[in-house]
Protein backbone atom coordinates (compact mmCIF):
# COMPACT_ATOMS: atom_id res chain seq x y z
CA MET A 1 -14.38 -32.75 32.96
CA ARG A 2 -14.63 -33.77 29.32
CA ARG A 3 -17.07 -30.94 28.57
CA THR A 4 -14.70 -28.41 30.25
CA ILE A 5 -11.74 -29.57 28.13
CA THR A 6 -13.82 -29.40 24.92
CA THR A 7 -15.09 -25.91 25.73
CA THR A 8 -11.60 -24.73 26.66
CA ALA A 9 -10.13 -26.24 23.49
CA ALA A 10 -12.85 -24.67 21.33
CA THR A 11 -12.25 -21.28 22.93
CA ALA A 12 -8.50 -21.56 22.29
CA VAL A 13 -9.04 -22.51 18.63
CA PHE A 14 -11.48 -19.62 18.13
CA ALA A 15 -9.06 -17.13 19.72
CA ALA A 16 -6.22 -18.42 17.53
CA ALA A 17 -8.37 -18.04 14.41
CA LEU A 18 -9.11 -14.43 15.31
CA THR A 19 -5.40 -13.78 15.74
CA PHE A 20 -4.62 -15.01 12.23
CA THR A 21 -7.56 -13.41 10.40
CA ALA A 22 -7.61 -9.96 11.97
CA PRO A 23 -6.23 -7.33 9.54
CA VAL A 24 -2.95 -5.84 10.64
CA ALA A 25 -1.31 -2.81 9.04
CA GLN A 26 2.21 -3.61 7.88
CA ALA A 27 5.07 -1.32 8.76
CA THR A 28 6.81 0.42 5.87
CA PRO A 29 10.50 -0.51 5.85
CA PRO A 30 13.08 2.31 5.82
CA GLY A 31 13.97 3.43 2.30
CA ARG A 32 10.62 2.31 0.84
CA VAL A 33 7.24 3.75 -0.14
CA CYS A 34 4.34 1.34 0.44
CA PHE A 35 0.82 1.37 -0.98
CA TRP A 36 -2.26 -0.49 0.28
CA THR A 37 -5.48 -1.50 -1.44
CA GLU A 38 -7.63 -0.22 1.43
CA PRO A 39 -7.80 3.00 3.49
CA GLY A 40 -5.96 2.99 6.80
CA MET A 41 -2.97 1.11 5.35
CA MET A 42 -4.92 -2.14 5.22
CA GLY A 43 -5.49 -4.83 2.61
CA GLN A 44 -2.93 -6.00 0.06
CA SER A 45 0.31 -4.02 -0.04
CA TRP A 46 3.15 -3.29 -2.42
CA CYS A 47 6.36 -1.39 -1.66
CA TYR A 48 8.64 0.53 -4.00
CA GLY A 49 12.33 1.18 -3.44
CA PRO A 50 14.18 3.63 -5.69
CA PRO A 51 15.85 4.01 -8.13
CA GLY A 52 14.06 3.28 -11.38
CA TYR A 53 10.45 2.80 -12.40
CA ALA A 54 8.29 -0.06 -11.14
CA GLU A 55 4.73 -1.02 -12.04
CA ALA A 56 2.44 -1.25 -9.02
CA GLU A 57 1.80 -4.86 -8.02
CA ASN A 58 -0.21 -7.06 -5.65
CA GLY A 59 -3.56 -5.47 -6.47
CA THR A 60 -2.44 -1.87 -5.88
CA GLN A 61 -2.37 -0.80 -9.53
CA ARG A 62 -5.33 1.59 -9.95
CA HIS A 63 -6.47 0.49 -6.48
CA ALA A 64 -4.17 2.19 -3.93
CA TYR A 65 -6.27 3.77 -1.19
CA SER A 66 -3.44 4.56 1.23
CA PHE A 67 0.34 4.97 1.24
CA GLU A 68 3.30 5.77 3.45
CA SER A 69 6.80 6.93 2.49
CA ARG A 70 9.86 6.08 4.58
CA TYR A 71 12.22 6.98 1.74
CA ASN A 72 14.53 9.90 2.52
CA GLY A 73 13.81 11.74 -0.71
CA THR A 74 11.14 12.33 -3.32
CA VAL A 75 9.51 9.76 -5.60
CA TYR A 76 6.67 10.13 -8.06
CA ALA A 77 3.43 8.20 -8.41
CA ILE A 78 2.80 7.79 -12.14
CA SER A 79 -0.55 7.49 -13.93
CA TYR A 80 -0.78 6.70 -17.63
CA GLY A 81 -3.62 8.14 -19.71
CA ALA A 82 -4.70 7.71 -23.30
CA GLY A 83 -1.92 7.64 -25.88
CA SER A 84 1.39 8.83 -24.50
CA SER A 85 -0.04 11.15 -21.82
CA CYS A 86 0.79 10.65 -18.17
CA LEU A 87 0.52 12.42 -14.83
CA TYR A 88 2.71 12.39 -11.76
CA ARG A 89 2.06 13.05 -8.07
CA GLU A 90 5.02 13.96 -5.88
CA ILE A 91 5.53 11.84 -2.76
CA ARG A 92 8.01 13.39 -0.31
CA ALA A 93 9.97 11.89 2.57
CA ASP A 94 7.69 10.85 5.46
CA ASP A 95 4.58 11.63 3.39
CA TYR A 96 1.51 9.46 3.99
CA ASP A 97 -2.21 9.39 3.34
CA GLU A 98 -4.55 6.96 5.06
CA ASN A 99 -7.40 7.73 2.63
CA TRP A 100 -5.75 8.60 -0.70
CA THR A 101 -8.97 9.15 -2.65
CA ALA A 102 -7.46 11.69 -5.08
CA TRP A 103 -5.07 9.10 -6.59
CA ALA A 104 -6.53 5.77 -5.46
CA VAL A 105 -7.68 4.77 -8.94
CA LYS A 106 -4.83 6.49 -10.83
CA LEU A 107 -1.66 4.76 -9.60
CA ASP A 108 0.06 2.72 -12.31
CA GLY A 109 3.61 2.78 -10.97
CA VAL A 110 6.29 4.72 -9.11
CA SER A 111 9.57 6.28 -10.21
CA HIS A 112 12.43 8.32 -8.77
CA GLU A 113 11.83 10.86 -11.59
CA THR A 114 8.77 12.43 -13.25
CA MET A 115 9.34 10.47 -16.48
CA GLY A 116 8.26 13.47 -18.54
CA CYS A 117 4.73 13.39 -17.12
CA GLU A 118 2.63 16.43 -16.23
CA PRO A 119 1.75 17.31 -12.61
CA GLY A 120 -1.57 15.80 -11.64
């Protein structure tokens, strides 16, 4: 009986550990645009809510491999270059990309306006 309890307890602990360590994609709240550090909306995340400009946080700056917009409007991903140059990428309502390779290493922040940047 003791062996059965130990095996059962070990199985329960192992199953609980899998529950807590398995990656789970987070849902993007309404009115926000969220970015993830890994494709498939996995890894660390950071969400932007307009208005204004915000620097990307939580590991997503220059490392945003997926995104989803649940904002009912347009926002702009911003990338700063050398000197005063910058690029923007339009993100529309309900836009998403599970493998955002074109801008994954460019994202510096997000704004509700183009901030005088060039399309990129």
